[in-house]
Amino acid sequence: MRRIYQYMSDEEKREAMEGFARDLQELKRERENPAYPRVVREAIEETIERYQRDIEYLRDELGDSPET
């Protein structure tokens, strides 16, 4: 996945996963806002998908079970 993860400790990877999970909750709320133009909602959706992939990758690296 991302090369930066190779240089992170297990604790840093866990902290990153927690940050992604917090951001995902906010992004999911923002995605539902009908006031945003379609292109913005699509960008939010792409970010959600990328964060979910990153969380999954980090979870696999750490051997953790899914929490979110």
C-alpha atoms as a PDB file:
ATOM      1  CA  MET A   1       0.000   0.000   0.000  1.00  0.00           C
ATOM      2  CA  ARG A   2       1.619   3.268   1.015  1.00  0.00           C
ATOM      3  CA  ARG A   3       5.359   3.235   1.594  1.00  0.00           C
ATOM      4  CA  ILE A   4       5.054   5.450   4.677  1.00  0.00           C
ATOM      5  CA  TYR A   5       3.538   2.535   6.566  1.00  0.00           C
ATOM      6  CA  GLN A   6       6.832   0.640   6.259  1.00  0.00           C
ATOM      7  CA  TYR A   7       8.483   3.241   8.466  1.00  0.00           C
ATOM      8  CA  MET A   8       5.805   3.339  11.170  1.00  0.00           C
ATOM      9  CA  SER A   9       5.907   1.458  14.436  1.00  0.00           C
ATOM     10  CA  ASP A  10       2.976  -0.753  15.445  1.00  0.00           C
ATOM     11  CA  GLU A  11       1.820   1.931  17.877  1.00  0.00           C
ATOM     12  CA  GLU A  12       1.926   4.595  15.159  1.00  0.00           C
ATOM     13  CA  LYS A  13      -0.061   2.297  12.860  1.00  0.00           C
ATOM     14  CA  ARG A  14      -2.704   1.854  15.574  1.00  0.00           C
ATOM     15  CA  GLU A  15      -2.877   5.613  16.089  1.00  0.00           C
ATOM     16  CA  ALA A  16      -3.271   6.089  12.329  1.00  0.00           C
ATOM     17  CA  MET A  17      -6.114   3.561  12.272  1.00  0.00           C
ATOM     18  CA  GLU A  18      -7.867   5.431  15.098  1.00  0.00           C
ATOM     19  CA  GLY A  19      -7.454   8.719  13.230  1.00  0.00           C
ATOM     20  CA  PHE A  20      -8.802   7.196  10.027  1.00  0.00           C
ATOM     21  CA  ALA A  21     -11.789   5.770  11.916  1.00  0.00           C
ATOM     22  CA  ARG A  22     -12.608   9.197  13.411  1.00  0.00           C
ATOM     23  CA  ASP A  23     -12.262  10.875  10.039  1.00  0.00           C
ATOM     24  CA  LEU A  24     -14.406   8.192   8.394  1.00  0.00           C
ATOM     25  CA  GLN A  25     -17.296   8.950  10.733  1.00  0.00           C
ATOM     26  CA  GLU A  26     -17.126  12.637   9.864  1.00  0.00           C
ATOM     27  CA  LEU A  27     -16.785  11.948   6.135  1.00  0.00           C
ATOM     28  CA  LYS A  28     -19.804   9.648   6.185  1.00  0.00           C
ATOM     29  CA  ARG A  29     -21.874  12.440   7.750  1.00  0.00           C
ATOM     30  CA  GLU A  30     -20.575  14.941   5.188  1.00  0.00           C
ATOM     31  CA  ARG A  31     -21.351  12.576   2.301  1.00  0.00           C
ATOM     32  CA  GLU A  32     -25.056  12.822   3.151  1.00  0.00           C
ATOM     33  CA  ASN A  33     -25.125  16.619   2.820  1.00  0.00           C
ATOM     34  CA  PRO A  34     -27.282  17.385  -0.236  1.00  0.00           C
ATOM     35  CA  ALA A  35     -25.967  20.962  -0.350  1.00  0.00           C
ATOM     36  CA  TYR A  36     -22.628  19.771  -1.733  1.00  0.00           C
ATOM     37  CA  PRO A  37     -22.214  19.556  -5.491  1.00  0.00           C
ATOM     38  CA  ARG A  38     -21.990  16.059  -6.948  1.00  0.00           C
ATOM     39  CA  VAL A  39     -18.236  16.377  -7.581  1.00  0.00           C
ATOM     40  CA  VAL A  40     -17.627  17.132  -3.899  1.00  0.00           C
ATOM     41  CA  ARG A  41     -19.746  14.178  -2.779  1.00  0.00           C
ATOM     42  CA  GLU A  42     -17.815  11.952  -5.196  1.00  0.00           C
ATOM     43  CA  ALA A  43     -14.495  13.187  -3.783  1.00  0.00           C
ATOM     44  CA  ILE A  44     -15.757  12.448  -0.283  1.00  0.00           C
ATOM     45  CA  GLU A  45     -16.778   8.943  -1.383  1.00  0.00           C
ATOM     46  CA  GLU A  46     -13.338   8.320  -2.910  1.00  0.00           C
ATOM     47  CA  THR A  47     -11.685   9.447   0.306  1.00  0.00           C
ATOM     48  CA  ILE A  48     -13.922   7.144   2.349  1.00  0.00           C
ATOM     49  CA  GLU A  49     -12.962   4.211   0.137  1.00  0.00           C
ATOM     50  CA  ARG A  50      -9.241   5.065   0.377  1.00  0.00           C
ATOM     51  CA  TYR A  51      -9.399   5.362   4.166  1.00  0.00           C
ATOM     52  CA  GLN A  52     -11.215   2.031   4.407  1.00  0.00           C
ATOM     53  CA  ARG A  53      -8.498   0.386   2.294  1.00  0.00           C
ATOM     54  CA  ASP A  54      -5.797   1.968   4.453  1.00  0.00           C
ATOM     55  CA  ILE A  55      -7.470   0.759   7.644  1.00  0.00           C
ATOM     56  CA  GLU A  56      -7.800  -2.731   6.194  1.00  0.00           C
ATOM     57  CA  TYR A  57      -4.144  -2.739   5.139  1.00  0.00           C
ATOM     58  CA  LEU A  58      -2.966  -1.572   8.562  1.00  0.00           C
ATOM     59  CA  ARG A  59      -5.235  -4.077  10.290  1.00  0.00           C
ATOM     60  CA  ASP A  60      -3.706  -6.865   8.192  1.00  0.00           C
ATOM     61  CA  GLU A  61      -0.202  -5.620   8.953  1.00  0.00           C
ATOM     62  CA  LEU A  62      -0.916  -5.677  12.669  1.00  0.00           C
ATOM     63  CA  GLY A  63      -2.922  -8.890  12.625  1.00  0.00           C
ATOM     64  CA  ASP A  64      -5.822  -7.098  14.307  1.00  0.00           C
ATOM     65  CA  SER A  65      -9.454  -8.103  13.987  1.00  0.00           C
ATOM     66  CA  PRO A  66     -11.963  -5.571  12.549  1.00  0.00           C
ATOM     67  CA  GLU A  67     -13.258  -3.002  15.006  1.00  0.00           C
ATOM     68  CA  THR A  68     -15.092  -0.568  12.747  1.00  0.00           C
END
